Amino acid sequence: MEWSATRPGEVEGGLPTRADASLTFIGRIRTPFPTRAECPRRGDQEAGPPCRLEVEEPWRPALRGIAPGDRLEVLYWMHLARRDLLVQAPSNRPAPLGTFALRSPNRPNPIASSVVRVVAVTADAVVVSGLDCVDGTPLVDLKPARG
């Protein structure tokens, strides 16, 4: 795990002692960002670099109907994030805030959601632009983005 040091004003809590559900990762996300420090703060659907959503068997048939130009909501697991911070002190904020008031990756359940544009579709992957996560991030789900 890539843990960051606690900043002044931050409050740590304990790690979860129980699991209420289970997840099955459906694949991995391949990006040009090898570390969290190199990730952009927000992905750019139009000018962002191509990223590959690699989908494992047996989930590949579920890609049917996705086409270039579509917009997808990508759900992913931020596996390098801290899960124990209750109050955080982001460098771009004047005062510490509660985790649920922030879009920080550090949260009890580090699930992220990004809306991306589909560039290409293959039998085992979707190439998109607009992601801002570390290379190798576990893929949780894909949904059509409406609106």
C-alpha atoms as a PDB file:
ATOM      1  CA  MET A   1       0.000   0.000   0.000  1.00  0.00           C
ATOM      2  CA  GLU A   2       1.055   3.552  -0.673  1.00  0.00           C
ATOM      3  CA  TRP A   3       0.305   5.294   2.639  1.00  0.00           C
ATOM      4  CA  SER A   4       0.887   8.959   3.133  1.00  0.00           C
ATOM      5  CA  ALA A   5       1.962  10.520   6.395  1.00  0.00           C
ATOM      6  CA  THR A   6      -0.696  12.100   8.573  1.00  0.00           C
ATOM      7  CA  ARG A   7      -0.761  15.887   8.153  1.00  0.00           C
ATOM      8  CA  PRO A   8      -1.398  18.397  10.938  1.00  0.00           C
ATOM      9  CA  GLY A   9      -5.124  18.558  11.709  1.00  0.00           C
ATOM     10  CA  GLU A  10      -5.912  15.092  10.390  1.00  0.00           C
ATOM     11  CA  VAL A  11      -7.715  12.503  12.499  1.00  0.00           C
ATOM     12  CA  GLU A  12      -7.148   8.786  12.100  1.00  0.00           C
ATOM     13  CA  GLY A  13      -9.698   6.147  12.979  1.00  0.00           C
ATOM     14  CA  GLY A  14      -9.372   2.406  13.217  1.00  0.00           C
ATOM     15  CA  LEU A  15      -9.448   0.151  10.215  1.00  0.00           C
ATOM     16  CA  PRO A  16     -12.644  -1.833   9.604  1.00  0.00           C
ATOM     17  CA  THR A  17     -13.050  -4.882  11.820  1.00  0.00           C
ATOM     18  CA  ARG A  18     -15.694  -6.504   9.660  1.00  0.00           C
ATOM     19  CA  ALA A  19     -16.656  -6.894   6.016  1.00  0.00           C
ATOM     20  CA  ASP A  20     -20.299  -6.405   5.090  1.00  0.00           C
ATOM     21  CA  ALA A  21     -20.039  -7.382   1.441  1.00  0.00           C
ATOM     22  CA  SER A  22     -17.633  -8.776  -1.093  1.00  0.00           C
ATOM     23  CA  LEU A  23     -16.500  -7.460  -4.460  1.00  0.00           C
ATOM     24  CA  THR A  24     -15.264  -9.244  -7.517  1.00  0.00           C
ATOM     25  CA  PHE A  25     -12.836  -7.233  -9.582  1.00  0.00           C
ATOM     26  CA  ILE A  26     -13.744  -7.634 -13.255  1.00  0.00           C
ATOM     27  CA  GLY A  27     -10.353  -6.559 -14.560  1.00  0.00           C
ATOM     28  CA  ARG A  28      -7.560  -3.996 -14.324  1.00  0.00           C
ATOM     29  CA  ILE A  29      -7.130  -0.471 -15.569  1.00  0.00           C
ATOM     30  CA  ARG A  30      -4.007   0.344 -17.560  1.00  0.00           C
ATOM     31  CA  THR A  31      -2.974   4.008 -17.513  1.00  0.00           C
ATOM     32  CA  PRO A  32       0.221   5.966 -18.174  1.00  0.00           C
ATOM     33  CA  PHE A  33       0.327   6.960 -14.475  1.00  0.00           C
ATOM     34  CA  PRO A  34       2.676   4.691 -12.457  1.00  0.00           C
ATOM     35  CA  THR A  35       2.157   6.505  -9.117  1.00  0.00           C
ATOM     36  CA  ARG A  36      -0.565   8.519  -7.360  1.00  0.00           C
ATOM     37  CA  ALA A  37       1.635  11.614  -7.535  1.00  0.00           C
ATOM     38  CA  GLU A  38       1.626  11.406 -11.345  1.00  0.00           C
ATOM     39  CA  CYS A  39      -2.172  11.107 -11.679  1.00  0.00           C
ATOM     40  CA  PRO A  40      -4.098  14.181 -12.754  1.00  0.00           C
ATOM     41  CA  ARG A  41      -6.602  15.572 -10.233  1.00  0.00           C
ATOM     42  CA  ARG A  42      -9.476  15.039 -12.687  1.00  0.00           C
ATOM     43  CA  GLY A  43      -9.540  13.076 -15.910  1.00  0.00           C
ATOM     44  CA  ASP A  44     -10.196  14.876 -19.204  1.00  0.00           C
ATOM     45  CA  GLN A  45     -12.732  13.061 -21.417  1.00  0.00           C
ATOM     46  CA  GLU A  46     -11.675  14.910 -24.547  1.00  0.00           C
ATOM     47  CA  ALA A  47      -7.906  15.414 -24.202  1.00  0.00           C
ATOM     48  CA  GLY A  48      -6.935  12.776 -21.639  1.00  0.00           C
ATOM     49  CA  PRO A  49      -4.488  10.038 -22.605  1.00  0.00           C
ATOM     50  CA  PRO A  50      -5.880   6.686 -23.755  1.00  0.00           C
ATOM     51  CA  CYS A  51      -6.398   4.201 -20.923  1.00  0.00           C
ATOM     52  CA  ARG A  52      -7.273   0.534 -21.282  1.00  0.00           C
ATOM     53  CA  LEU A  53      -9.986  -1.176 -19.215  1.00  0.00           C
ATOM     54  CA  GLU A  54      -8.860  -4.803 -19.379  1.00  0.00           C
ATOM     55  CA  VAL A  55     -11.810  -7.116 -18.669  1.00  0.00           C
ATOM     56  CA  GLU A  56     -11.189 -10.669 -17.461  1.00  0.00           C
ATOM     57  CA  GLU A  57     -13.067 -13.778 -18.448  1.00  0.00           C
ATOM     58  CA  PRO A  58     -15.913 -14.529 -17.807  1.00  0.00           C
ATOM     59  CA  TRP A  59     -17.004 -10.866 -17.948  1.00  0.00           C
ATOM     60  CA  ARG A  60     -16.021 -10.140 -21.560  1.00  0.00           C
ATOM     61  CA  PRO A  61     -19.444 -10.898 -23.128  1.00  0.00           C
ATOM     62  CA  ALA A  62     -20.816  -8.035 -20.993  1.00  0.00           C
ATOM     63  CA  LEU A  63     -18.932  -5.575 -23.241  1.00  0.00           C
ATOM     64  CA  ARG A  64     -21.461  -6.189 -26.032  1.00  0.00           C
ATOM     65  CA  GLY A  65     -23.189  -2.952 -26.999  1.00  0.00           C
ATOM     66  CA  ILE A  66     -20.392  -0.583 -25.948  1.00  0.00           C
ATOM     67  CA  ALA A  67     -19.194   1.493 -28.918  1.00  0.00           C
ATOM     68  CA  PRO A  68     -16.680   4.252 -29.661  1.00  0.00           C
ATOM     69  CA  GLY A  69     -18.099   7.640 -28.707  1.00  0.00           C
ATOM     70  CA  ASP A  70     -20.156   6.235 -25.820  1.00  0.00           C
ATOM     71  CA  ARG A  71     -19.720   7.642 -22.339  1.00  0.00           C
ATOM     72  CA  LEU A  72     -19.201   5.151 -19.514  1.00  0.00           C
ATOM     73  CA  GLU A  73     -19.153   5.440 -15.765  1.00  0.00           C
ATOM     74  CA  VAL A  74     -16.140   3.476 -14.534  1.00  0.00           C
ATOM     75  CA  LEU A  75     -16.148   2.214 -10.942  1.00  0.00           C
ATOM     76  CA  TYR A  76     -12.771   1.229  -9.565  1.00  0.00           C
ATOM     77  CA  TRP A  77     -11.045   0.313  -6.298  1.00  0.00           C
ATOM     78  CA  MET A  78      -8.351   2.764  -5.194  1.00  0.00           C
ATOM     79  CA  HIS A  79      -6.115   0.044  -3.759  1.00  0.00           C
ATOM     80  CA  LEU A  80      -3.319   2.430  -2.718  1.00  0.00           C
ATOM     81  CA  ALA A  81      -5.550   4.687  -0.624  1.00  0.00           C
ATOM     82  CA  ARG A  82      -5.589   4.965   3.149  1.00  0.00           C
ATOM     83  CA  ARG A  83      -8.793   3.700   4.735  1.00  0.00           C
ATOM     84  CA  ASP A  84      -8.365   5.082   8.242  1.00  0.00           C
ATOM     85  CA  LEU A  85      -8.661   8.880   7.879  1.00  0.00           C
ATOM     86  CA  LEU A  86     -11.767  10.518   9.354  1.00  0.00           C
ATOM     87  CA  VAL A  87     -10.585  14.130   8.984  1.00  0.00           C
ATOM     88  CA  GLN A  88      -8.174  15.143   6.244  1.00  0.00           C
ATOM     89  CA  ALA A  89      -6.070  18.245   5.606  1.00  0.00           C
ATOM     90  CA  PRO A  90      -5.735  18.552   1.819  1.00  0.00           C
ATOM     91  CA  SER A  91      -2.965  20.861   0.682  1.00  0.00           C
ATOM     92  CA  ASN A  92      -5.441  22.867  -1.448  1.00  0.00           C
ATOM     93  CA  ARG A  93      -7.860  23.599   1.458  1.00  0.00           C
ATOM     94  CA  PRO A  94      -7.493  26.204   4.231  1.00  0.00           C
ATOM     95  CA  ALA A  95      -8.725  23.864   6.997  1.00  0.00           C
ATOM     96  CA  PRO A  96      -9.183  20.137   7.624  1.00  0.00           C
ATOM     97  CA  LEU A  97     -12.488  18.578   6.518  1.00  0.00           C
ATOM     98  CA  GLY A  98     -14.252  15.296   7.144  1.00  0.00           C
ATOM     99  CA  THR A  99     -13.560  12.547   4.645  1.00  0.00           C
ATOM    100  CA  PHE A 100     -17.181  12.512   3.437  1.00  0.00           C
ATOM    101  CA  ALA A 101     -16.909  16.209   2.500  1.00  0.00           C
ATOM    102  CA  LEU A 102     -13.963  15.515   0.157  1.00  0.00           C
ATOM    103  CA  ARG A 103     -13.307  13.710  -3.118  1.00  0.00           C
ATOM    104  CA  SER A 104     -10.066  12.337  -1.681  1.00  0.00           C
ATOM    105  CA  PRO A 105      -9.133   8.730  -2.506  1.00  0.00           C
ATOM    106  CA  ASN A 106      -8.564   8.158   1.229  1.00  0.00           C
ATOM    107  CA  ARG A 107     -11.882   6.801   2.547  1.00  0.00           C
ATOM    108  CA  PRO A 108     -13.334   3.770   4.367  1.00  0.00           C
ATOM    109  CA  ASN A 109     -14.301   2.103   1.081  1.00  0.00           C
ATOM    110  CA  PRO A 110     -11.983   3.487  -1.593  1.00  0.00           C
ATOM    111  CA  ILE A 111     -14.405   3.216  -4.503  1.00  0.00           C
ATOM    112  CA  ALA A 112     -13.971   5.787  -7.257  1.00  0.00           C
ATOM    113  CA  SER A 113     -16.232   6.756 -10.124  1.00  0.00           C
ATOM    114  CA  SER A 114     -15.208   8.517 -13.318  1.00  0.00           C
ATOM    115  CA  VAL A 115     -17.135   9.304 -16.476  1.00  0.00           C
ATOM    116  CA  VAL A 116     -15.048   8.559 -19.565  1.00  0.00           C
ATOM    117  CA  ARG A 117     -15.385   8.609 -23.344  1.00  0.00           C
ATOM    118  CA  VAL A 118     -14.982   5.312 -25.241  1.00  0.00           C
ATOM    119  CA  VAL A 119     -12.254   5.463 -27.887  1.00  0.00           C
ATOM    120  CA  ALA A 120     -12.250   1.801 -29.001  1.00  0.00           C
ATOM    121  CA  VAL A 121     -13.597  -1.605 -28.007  1.00  0.00           C
ATOM    122  CA  THR A 122     -11.876  -4.980 -28.418  1.00  0.00           C
ATOM    123  CA  ALA A 123     -12.932  -8.478 -27.391  1.00  0.00           C
ATOM    124  CA  ASP A 124     -11.236  -8.125 -23.985  1.00  0.00           C
ATOM    125  CA  ALA A 125     -10.977  -4.387 -23.296  1.00  0.00           C
ATOM    126  CA  VAL A 126     -12.358  -0.898 -23.702  1.00  0.00           C
ATOM    127  CA  VAL A 127      -9.991   1.962 -24.528  1.00  0.00           C
ATOM    128  CA  VAL A 128     -11.168   5.233 -22.976  1.00  0.00           C
ATOM    129  CA  SER A 129     -10.037   8.780 -22.257  1.00  0.00           C
ATOM    130  CA  GLY A 130     -10.786  10.648 -19.068  1.00  0.00           C
ATOM    131  CA  LEU A 131      -9.320   8.480 -16.294  1.00  0.00           C
ATOM    132  CA  ASP A 132      -7.106   9.695 -13.464  1.00  0.00           C
ATOM    133  CA  CYS A 133      -6.024   6.518 -11.655  1.00  0.00           C
ATOM    134  CA  VAL A 134      -2.804   4.560 -11.139  1.00  0.00           C
ATOM    135  CA  ASP A 135      -1.788   1.883 -13.630  1.00  0.00           C
ATOM    136  CA  GLY A 136      -3.006  -1.528 -12.468  1.00  0.00           C
ATOM    137  CA  THR A 137      -6.008  -0.215 -10.504  1.00  0.00           C
ATOM    138  CA  PRO A 138      -8.663  -2.925  -9.984  1.00  0.00           C
ATOM    139  CA  LEU A 139     -11.799  -2.475 -12.106  1.00  0.00           C
ATOM    140  CA  VAL A 140     -15.112  -2.912 -10.227  1.00  0.00           C
ATOM    141  CA  ASP A 141     -17.834  -2.167 -12.818  1.00  0.00           C
ATOM    142  CA  LEU A 142     -18.825  -0.321 -16.004  1.00  0.00           C
ATOM    143  CA  LYS A 143     -22.154   1.443 -16.578  1.00  0.00           C
ATOM    144  CA  PRO A 144     -23.511   3.638 -19.336  1.00  0.00           C
ATOM    145  CA  ALA A 145     -23.313   7.314 -18.406  1.00  0.00           C
ATOM    146  CA  ARG A 146     -26.510   9.178 -19.144  1.00  0.00           C
ATOM    147  CA  GLY A 147     -27.024  12.863 -19.590  1.00  0.00           C
END
